[in-house]
Amino acid sequence: MKLKRKKRRIKILEEPSIYEKPNKKMSLGPQQKDTTMTKIFVGGLPYHTTDDSLRQFFDVYGDIEEAVVITDRQTGKSRGYGFV
């Protein structure tokens, strides 16, 4: 006995994204670039890691536009992750 498979049509709806077209309130200055869709999460960083040391580590793979280690607002200490 053969089972018949139904062909399904999938309709993909595109939702407007705030990252594609920022509105005037969220516009970045003429010198800033939106890197939201090009950042890489880097977790498990030692707490002594700085923005500069993170940038130096990834510099061997190409030009780095931005390297940021996320810090606690109150203490200023690294939270152990960042973005490149």
PDB file of N, CA and C in Angstrom:
ATOM      1  N   MET A   1       0.837  -1.178   0.000  1.00  0.00           N
ATOM      2  CA  MET A   1       0.000   0.000   0.000  1.00  0.00           C
ATOM      3  C   MET A   1       0.885   1.245   0.000  1.00  0.00           C
ATOM      4  N   LYS A   2       0.667   2.120  -0.961  1.00  0.00           N
ATOM      5  CA  LYS A   2       1.456   3.335  -1.086  1.00  0.00           C
ATOM      6  C   LYS A   2       0.728   4.497  -0.434  1.00  0.00           C
ATOM      7  N   LEU A   3       1.481   5.265   0.314  1.00  0.00           N
ATOM      8  CA  LEU A   3       0.902   6.462   0.914  1.00  0.00           C
ATOM      9  C   LEU A   3       1.128   7.638  -0.018  1.00  0.00           C
ATOM     10  N   LYS A   4       0.101   8.421  -0.197  1.00  0.00           N
ATOM     11  CA  LYS A   4       0.236   9.598  -1.041  1.00  0.00           C
ATOM     12  C   LYS A   4       0.599  10.790  -0.169  1.00  0.00           C
ATOM     13  N   ARG A   5       1.583  11.511  -0.627  1.00  0.00           N
ATOM     14  CA  ARG A   5       1.962  12.727   0.071  1.00  0.00           C
ATOM     15  C   ARG A   5       1.326  13.921  -0.611  1.00  0.00           C
ATOM     16  N   LYS A   6       0.790  14.776   0.196  1.00  0.00           N
ATOM     17  CA  LYS A   6       0.211  15.994  -0.354  1.00  0.00           C
ATOM     18  C   LYS A   6       1.313  17.019  -0.559  1.00  0.00           C
ATOM     19  N   LYS A   7       1.268  17.699  -1.658  1.00  0.00           N
ATOM     20  CA  LYS A   7       2.208  18.782  -1.880  1.00  0.00           C
ATOM     21  C   LYS A   7       1.693  19.997  -1.136  1.00  0.00           C
ATOM     22  N   ARG A   8       2.583  20.577  -0.382  1.00  0.00           N
ATOM     23  CA  ARG A   8       2.189  21.745   0.404  1.00  0.00           C
ATOM     24  C   ARG A   8       2.849  22.988  -0.166  1.00  0.00           C
ATOM     25  N   ARG A   9       2.110  24.029  -0.179  1.00  0.00           N
ATOM     26  CA  ARG A   9       2.658  25.312  -0.564  1.00  0.00           C
ATOM     27  C   ARG A   9       2.882  26.118   0.698  1.00  0.00           C
ATOM     28  N   ILE A  10       4.058  26.597   0.812  1.00  0.00           N
ATOM     29  CA  ILE A  10       4.391  27.396   1.990  1.00  0.00           C
ATOM     30  C   ILE A  10       4.452  28.853   1.568  1.00  0.00           C
ATOM     31  N   LYS A  11       3.690  29.643   2.260  1.00  0.00           N
ATOM     32  CA  LYS A  11       3.683  31.066   1.976  1.00  0.00           C
ATOM     33  C   LYS A  11       4.555  31.758   3.015  1.00  0.00           C
ATOM     34  N   ILE A  12       5.582  32.419   2.536  1.00  0.00           N
ATOM     35  CA  ILE A  12       6.493  33.106   3.428  1.00  0.00           C
ATOM     36  C   ILE A  12       6.107  34.577   3.476  1.00  0.00           C
ATOM     37  N   LEU A  13       5.829  35.010   4.672  1.00  0.00           N
ATOM     38  CA  LEU A  13       5.472  36.408   4.863  1.00  0.00           C
ATOM     39  C   LEU A  13       6.691  37.159   5.385  1.00  0.00           C
ATOM     40  N   GLU A  14       6.973  38.244   4.770  1.00  0.00           N
ATOM     41  CA  GLU A  14       8.085  39.048   5.236  1.00  0.00           C
ATOM     42  C   GLU A  14       7.562  40.116   6.166  1.00  0.00           C
ATOM     43  N   GLU A  15       8.136  40.141   7.348  1.00  0.00           N
ATOM     44  CA  GLU A  15       7.756  41.156   8.305  1.00  0.00           C
ATOM     45  C   GLU A  15       8.740  42.315   8.202  1.00  0.00           C
ATOM     46  N   PRO A  16       8.263  43.511   8.341  1.00  0.00           N
ATOM     47  CA  PRO A  16       9.196  44.636   8.304  1.00  0.00           C
ATOM     48  C   PRO A  16      10.167  44.543   9.482  1.00  0.00           C
ATOM     49  N   SER A  17      11.391  44.814   9.224  1.00  0.00           N
ATOM     50  CA  SER A  17      12.418  44.716  10.255  1.00  0.00           C
ATOM     51  C   SER A  17      12.963  46.097  10.578  1.00  0.00           C
ATOM     52  N   ILE A  18      13.148  46.370  11.857  1.00  0.00           N
ATOM     53  CA  ILE A  18      13.700  47.671  12.237  1.00  0.00           C
ATOM     54  C   ILE A  18      15.162  47.783  11.851  1.00  0.00           C
ATOM     55  N   TYR A  19      15.795  46.645  11.544  1.00  0.00           N
ATOM     56  CA  TYR A  19      17.202  46.665  11.206  1.00  0.00           C
ATOM     57  C   TYR A  19      17.439  47.054   9.750  1.00  0.00           C
ATOM     58  N   GLU A  20      16.459  46.833   8.899  1.00  0.00           N
ATOM     59  CA  GLU A  20      16.642  47.110   7.487  1.00  0.00           C
ATOM     60  C   GLU A  20      16.494  48.595   7.173  1.00  0.00           C
ATOM     61  N   LYS A  21      15.464  49.209   7.699  1.00  0.00           N
ATOM     62  CA  LYS A  21      15.196  50.603   7.401  1.00  0.00           C
ATOM     63  C   LYS A  21      14.916  51.357   8.697  1.00  0.00           C
ATOM     64  N   PRO A  22      15.931  51.890   9.317  1.00  0.00           N
ATOM     65  CA  PRO A  22      15.668  52.620  10.552  1.00  0.00           C
ATOM     66  C   PRO A  22      14.853  53.875  10.266  1.00  0.00           C
ATOM     67  N   ASN A  23      13.918  54.175  11.171  1.00  0.00           N
ATOM     68  CA  ASN A  23      13.132  55.380  10.976  1.00  0.00           C
ATOM     69  C   ASN A  23      13.936  56.587  11.432  1.00  0.00           C
ATOM     70  N   LYS A  24      13.369  57.763  11.285  1.00  0.00           N
ATOM     71  CA  LYS A  24      14.106  58.986  11.586  1.00  0.00           C
ATOM     72  C   LYS A  24      14.495  59.074  13.056  1.00  0.00           C
ATOM     73  N   LYS A  25      13.660  58.562  13.956  1.00  0.00           N
ATOM     74  CA  LYS A  25      13.969  58.620  15.377  1.00  0.00           C
ATOM     75  C   LYS A  25      15.165  57.751  15.723  1.00  0.00           C
ATOM     76  N   MET A  26      15.316  56.634  15.005  1.00  0.00           N
ATOM     77  CA  MET A  26      16.377  55.688  15.314  1.00  0.00           C
ATOM     78  C   MET A  26      17.573  55.831  14.377  1.00  0.00           C
ATOM     79  N   SER A  27      17.574  56.845  13.537  1.00  0.00           N
ATOM     80  CA  SER A  27      18.623  56.923  12.531  1.00  0.00           C
ATOM     81  C   SER A  27      19.990  57.092  13.175  1.00  0.00           C
ATOM     82  N   LEU A  28      20.947  56.464  12.561  1.00  0.00           N
ATOM     83  CA  LEU A  28      22.320  56.552  13.018  1.00  0.00           C
ATOM     84  C   LEU A  28      22.949  57.750  12.347  1.00  0.00           C
ATOM     85  N   GLY A  29      23.930  58.326  12.978  1.00  0.00           N
ATOM     86  CA  GLY A  29      24.607  59.475  12.403  1.00  0.00           C
ATOM     87  C   GLY A  29      25.282  59.120  11.103  1.00  0.00           C
ATOM     88  N   PRO A  30      25.753  60.120  10.363  1.00  0.00           N
ATOM     89  CA  PRO A  30      26.373  59.859   9.065  1.00  0.00           C
ATOM     90  C   PRO A  30      27.658  59.045   9.177  1.00  0.00           C
ATOM     91  N   GLN A  31      28.288  59.023  10.367  1.00  0.00           N
ATOM     92  CA  GLN A  31      29.529  58.299  10.530  1.00  0.00           C
ATOM     93  C   GLN A  31      29.318  56.908  11.116  1.00  0.00           C
ATOM     94  N   GLN A  32      28.134  56.623  11.664  1.00  0.00           N
ATOM     95  CA  GLN A  32      27.878  55.329  12.278  1.00  0.00           C
ATOM     96  C   GLN A  32      27.230  54.386  11.285  1.00  0.00           C
ATOM     97  N   LYS A  33      27.520  53.095  11.456  1.00  0.00           N
ATOM     98  CA  LYS A  33      26.982  52.063  10.576  1.00  0.00           C
ATOM     99  C   LYS A  33      26.230  51.045  11.421  1.00  0.00           C
ATOM    100  N   ASP A  34      25.091  50.575  10.940  1.00  0.00           N
ATOM    101  CA  ASP A  34      24.311  49.581  11.672  1.00  0.00           C
ATOM    102  C   ASP A  34      24.975  48.214  11.505  1.00  0.00           C
ATOM    103  N   THR A  35      25.533  47.674  12.601  1.00  0.00           N
ATOM    104  CA  THR A  35      26.222  46.381  12.554  1.00  0.00           C
ATOM    105  C   THR A  35      25.415  45.291  13.238  1.00  0.00           C
ATOM    106  N   THR A  36      24.127  45.528  13.437  1.00  0.00           N
ATOM    107  CA  THR A  36      23.288  44.594  14.164  1.00  0.00           C
ATOM    108  C   THR A  36      23.274  43.208  13.521  1.00  0.00           C
ATOM    109  N   MET A  37      23.233  43.146  12.215  1.00  0.00           N
ATOM    110  CA  MET A  37      23.128  41.859  11.534  1.00  0.00           C
ATOM    111  C   MET A  37      24.495  41.243  11.211  1.00  0.00           C
ATOM    112  N   THR A  38      25.574  41.898  11.587  1.00  0.00           N
ATOM    113  CA  THR A  38      26.898  41.373  11.255  1.00  0.00           C
ATOM    114  C   THR A  38      27.741  41.069  12.482  1.00  0.00           C
ATOM    115  N   LYS A  39      27.181  41.158  13.665  1.00  0.00           N
ATOM    116  CA  LYS A  39      27.943  40.910  14.882  1.00  0.00           C
ATOM    117  C   LYS A  39      27.940  39.424  15.230  1.00  0.00           C
ATOM    118  N   ILE A  40      29.038  38.993  15.844  1.00  0.00           N
ATOM    119  CA  ILE A  40      29.172  37.616  16.306  1.00  0.00           C
ATOM    120  C   ILE A  40      29.224  37.636  17.827  1.00  0.00           C
ATOM    121  N   PHE A  41      28.407  36.792  18.450  1.00  0.00           N
ATOM    122  CA  PHE A  41      28.416  36.660  19.901  1.00  0.00           C
ATOM    123  C   PHE A  41      29.624  35.836  20.319  1.00  0.00           C
ATOM    124  N   VAL A  42      30.339  36.316  21.322  1.00  0.00           N
ATOM    125  CA  VAL A  42      31.494  35.595  21.850  1.00  0.00           C
ATOM    126  C   VAL A  42      31.254  35.409  23.345  1.00  0.00           C
ATOM    127  N   GLY A  43      31.073  34.168  23.776  1.00  0.00           N
ATOM    128  CA  GLY A  43      30.786  33.891  25.176  1.00  0.00           C
ATOM    129  C   GLY A  43      31.943  33.191  25.862  1.00  0.00           C
ATOM    130  N   GLY A  44      31.869  33.124  27.166  1.00  0.00           N
ATOM    131  CA  GLY A  44      32.882  32.439  27.954  1.00  0.00           C
ATOM    132  C   GLY A  44      34.203  33.178  28.027  1.00  0.00           C
ATOM    133  N   LEU A  45      34.150  34.501  27.921  1.00  0.00           N
ATOM    134  CA  LEU A  45      35.384  35.288  27.979  1.00  0.00           C
ATOM    135  C   LEU A  45      35.904  35.375  29.414  1.00  0.00           C
ATOM    136  N   PRO A  46      37.217  35.360  29.586  1.00  0.00           N
ATOM    137  CA  PRO A  46      37.757  35.608  30.921  1.00  0.00           C
ATOM    138  C   PRO A  46      37.364  37.016  31.368  1.00  0.00           C
ATOM    139  N   TYR A  47      37.222  37.204  32.652  1.00  0.00           N
ATOM    140  CA  TYR A  47      36.740  38.491  33.147  1.00  0.00           C
ATOM    141  C   TYR A  47      37.754  39.615  32.984  1.00  0.00           C
ATOM    142  N   HIS A  48      39.006  39.292  32.690  1.00  0.00           N
ATOM    143  CA  HIS A  48      40.003  40.336  32.465  1.00  0.00           C
ATOM    144  C   HIS A  48      40.076  40.775  30.999  1.00  0.00           C
ATOM    145  N   THR A  49      39.221  40.225  30.126  1.00  0.00           N
ATOM    146  CA  THR A  49      39.212  40.577  28.710  1.00  0.00           C
ATOM    147  C   THR A  49      38.723  42.006  28.531  1.00  0.00           C
ATOM    148  N   THR A  50      39.420  42.767  27.692  1.00  0.00           N
ATOM    149  CA  THR A  50      39.027  44.144  27.383  1.00  0.00           C
ATOM    150  C   THR A  50      38.599  44.230  25.919  1.00  0.00           C
ATOM    151  N   ASP A  51      38.038  45.380  25.548  1.00  0.00           N
ATOM    152  CA  ASP A  51      37.661  45.595  24.149  1.00  0.00           C
ATOM    153  C   ASP A  51      38.884  45.456  23.236  1.00  0.00           C
ATOM    154  N   ASP A  52      39.998  46.027  23.669  1.00  0.00           N
ATOM    155  CA  ASP A  52      41.216  45.982  22.851  1.00  0.00           C
ATOM    156  C   ASP A  52      41.768  44.567  22.701  1.00  0.00           C
ATOM    157  N   SER A  53      41.777  43.794  23.789  1.00  0.00           N
ATOM    158  CA  SER A  53      42.309  42.432  23.688  1.00  0.00           C
ATOM    159  C   SER A  53      41.395  41.546  22.835  1.00  0.00           C
ATOM    160  N   LEU A  54      40.087  41.779  22.890  1.00  0.00           N
ATOM    161  CA  LEU A  54      39.146  41.037  22.046  1.00  0.00           C
ATOM    162  C   LEU A  54      39.378  41.381  20.580  1.00  0.00           C
ATOM    163  N   ARG A  55      39.572  42.663  20.305  1.00  0.00           N
ATOM    164  CA  ARG A  55      39.848  43.111  18.933  1.00  0.00           C
ATOM    165  C   ARG A  55      41.149  42.498  18.424  1.00  0.00           C
ATOM    166  N   GLN A  56      42.199  42.506  19.232  1.00  0.00           N
ATOM    167  CA  GLN A  56      43.492  41.948  18.823  1.00  0.00           C
ATOM    168  C   GLN A  56      43.389  40.460  18.527  1.00  0.00           C
ATOM    169  N   PHE A  57      42.611  39.738  19.311  1.00  0.00           N
ATOM    170  CA  PHE A  57      42.464  38.298  19.089  1.00  0.00           C
ATOM    171  C   PHE A  57      41.818  38.006  17.739  1.00  0.00           C
ATOM    172  N   PHE A  58      40.779  38.766  17.380  1.00  0.00           N
ATOM    173  CA  PHE A  58      40.060  38.506  16.126  1.00  0.00           C
ATOM    174  C   PHE A  58      40.663  39.220  14.930  1.00  0.00           C
ATOM    175  N   ASP A  59      41.625  40.086  15.144  1.00  0.00           N
ATOM    176  CA  ASP A  59      42.252  40.832  14.052  1.00  0.00           C
ATOM    177  C   ASP A  59      42.936  39.926  13.038  1.00  0.00           C
ATOM    178  N   VAL A  60      43.395  38.758  13.455  1.00  0.00           N
ATOM    179  CA  VAL A  60      44.078  37.850  12.528  1.00  0.00           C
ATOM    180  C   VAL A  60      43.124  37.303  11.460  1.00  0.00           C
ATOM    181  N   TYR A  61      41.813  37.398  11.686  1.00  0.00           N
ATOM    182  CA  TYR A  61      40.820  36.878  10.734  1.00  0.00           C
ATOM    183  C   TYR A  61      40.333  37.928   9.752  1.00  0.00           C
ATOM    184  N   GLY A  62      40.758  39.173   9.912  1.00  0.00           N
ATOM    185  CA  GLY A  62      40.352  40.232   8.999  1.00  0.00           C
ATOM    186  C   GLY A  62      40.105  41.530   9.749  1.00  0.00           C
ATOM    187  N   ASP A  63      39.648  42.527   9.002  1.00  0.00           N
ATOM    188  CA  ASP A  63      39.376  43.836   9.595  1.00  0.00           C
ATOM    189  C   ASP A  63      38.193  43.750  10.543  1.00  0.00           C
ATOM    190  N   ILE A  64      38.336  44.331  11.711  1.00  0.00           N
ATOM    191  CA  ILE A  64      37.293  44.330  12.721  1.00  0.00           C
ATOM    192  C   ILE A  64      36.730  45.738  12.836  1.00  0.00           C
ATOM    193  N   GLU A  65      35.434  45.872  12.615  1.00  0.00           N
ATOM    194  CA  GLU A  65      34.788  47.179  12.726  1.00  0.00           C
ATOM    195  C   GLU A  65      34.535  47.551  14.177  1.00  0.00           C
ATOM    196  N   GLU A  66      34.188  46.550  14.981  1.00  0.00           N
ATOM    197  CA  GLU A  66      33.842  46.824  16.370  1.00  0.00           C
ATOM    198  C   GLU A  66      34.049  45.569  17.206  1.00  0.00           C
ATOM    199  N   ALA A  67      34.586  45.743  18.394  1.00  0.00           N
ATOM    200  CA  ALA A  67      34.731  44.650  19.354  1.00  0.00           C
ATOM    201  C   ALA A  67      34.353  45.215  20.717  1.00  0.00           C
ATOM    202  N   VAL A  68      33.344  44.612  21.344  1.00  0.00           N
ATOM    203  CA  VAL A  68      32.821  45.146  22.595  1.00  0.00           C
ATOM    204  C   VAL A  68      32.665  44.031  23.613  1.00  0.00           C
ATOM    205  N   VAL A  69      33.229  44.239  24.787  1.00  0.00           N
ATOM    206  CA  VAL A  69      33.023  43.344  25.916  1.00  0.00           C
ATOM    207  C   VAL A  69      31.923  43.969  26.766  1.00  0.00           C
ATOM    208  N   ILE A  70      30.882  43.200  27.065  1.00  0.00           N
ATOM    209  CA  ILE A  70      29.755  43.719  27.826  1.00  0.00           C
ATOM    210  C   ILE A  70      30.127  43.758  29.307  1.00  0.00           C
ATOM    211  N   THR A  71      29.873  44.907  29.929  1.00  0.00           N
ATOM    212  CA  THR A  71      30.225  45.091  31.332  1.00  0.00           C
ATOM    213  C   THR A  71      28.989  45.379  32.169  1.00  0.00           C
ATOM    214  N   ASP A  72      29.093  45.109  33.447  1.00  0.00           N
ATOM    215  CA  ASP A  72      28.023  45.405  34.396  1.00  0.00           C
ATOM    216  C   ASP A  72      27.964  46.917  34.598  1.00  0.00           C
ATOM    217  N   ARG A  73      26.791  47.496  34.570  1.00  0.00           N
ATOM    218  CA  ARG A  73      26.649  48.946  34.684  1.00  0.00           C
ATOM    219  C   ARG A  73      27.079  49.475  36.044  1.00  0.00           C
ATOM    220  N   GLN A  74      26.780  48.738  37.078  1.00  0.00           N
ATOM    221  CA  GLN A  74      27.078  49.217  38.428  1.00  0.00           C
ATOM    222  C   GLN A  74      28.542  49.020  38.813  1.00  0.00           C
ATOM    223  N   THR A  75      29.084  47.855  38.524  1.00  0.00           N
ATOM    224  CA  THR A  75      30.452  47.555  38.960  1.00  0.00           C
ATOM    225  C   THR A  75      31.506  47.852  37.890  1.00  0.00           C
ATOM    226  N   GLY A  76      31.095  47.875  36.614  1.00  0.00           N
ATOM    227  CA  GLY A  76      32.043  48.100  35.532  1.00  0.00           C
ATOM    228  C   GLY A  76      32.850  46.861  35.163  1.00  0.00           C
ATOM    229  N   LYS A  77      32.578  45.740  35.823  1.00  0.00           N
ATOM    230  CA  LYS A  77      33.316  44.504  35.547  1.00  0.00           C
ATOM    231  C   LYS A  77      32.706  43.775  34.342  1.00  0.00           C
ATOM    232  N   SER A  78      33.547  43.026  33.647  1.00  0.00           N
ATOM    233  CA  SER A  78      33.107  42.242  32.503  1.00  0.00           C
ATOM    234  C   SER A  78      32.047  41.230  32.916  1.00  0.00           C
ATOM    235  N   ARG A  79      31.073  41.004  32.026  1.00  0.00           N
ATOM    236  CA  ARG A  79      30.044  40.005  32.294  1.00  0.00           C
ATOM    237  C   ARG A  79      30.401  38.668  31.637  1.00  0.00           C
ATOM    238  N   GLY A  80      31.549  38.591  30.985  1.00  0.00           N
ATOM    239  CA  GLY A  80      32.018  37.327  30.434  1.00  0.00           C
ATOM    240  C   GLY A  80      31.585  37.048  29.011  1.00  0.00           C
ATOM    241  N   TYR A  81      31.039  38.054  28.330  1.00  0.00           N
ATOM    242  CA  TYR A  81      30.693  37.871  26.922  1.00  0.00           C
ATOM    243  C   TYR A  81      30.831  39.195  26.189  1.00  0.00           C
ATOM    244  N   GLY A  82      30.805  39.116  24.869  1.00  0.00           N
ATOM    245  CA  GLY A  82      30.934  40.321  24.062  1.00  0.00           C
ATOM    246  C   GLY A  82      30.488  40.059  22.645  1.00  0.00           C
ATOM    247  N   PHE A  83      30.709  41.050  21.779  1.00  0.00           N
ATOM    248  CA  PHE A  83      30.330  40.969  20.374  1.00  0.00           C
ATOM    249  C   PHE A  83      31.455  41.504  19.511  1.00  0.00           C
ATOM    250  N   VAL A  84      31.666  40.851  18.363  1.00  0.00           N
ATOM    251  CA  VAL A  84      32.688  41.278  17.399  1.00  0.00           C
ATOM    252  C   VAL A  84      32.004  41.498  16.076  1.00  0.00           C
TER     253      VAL A  84
END
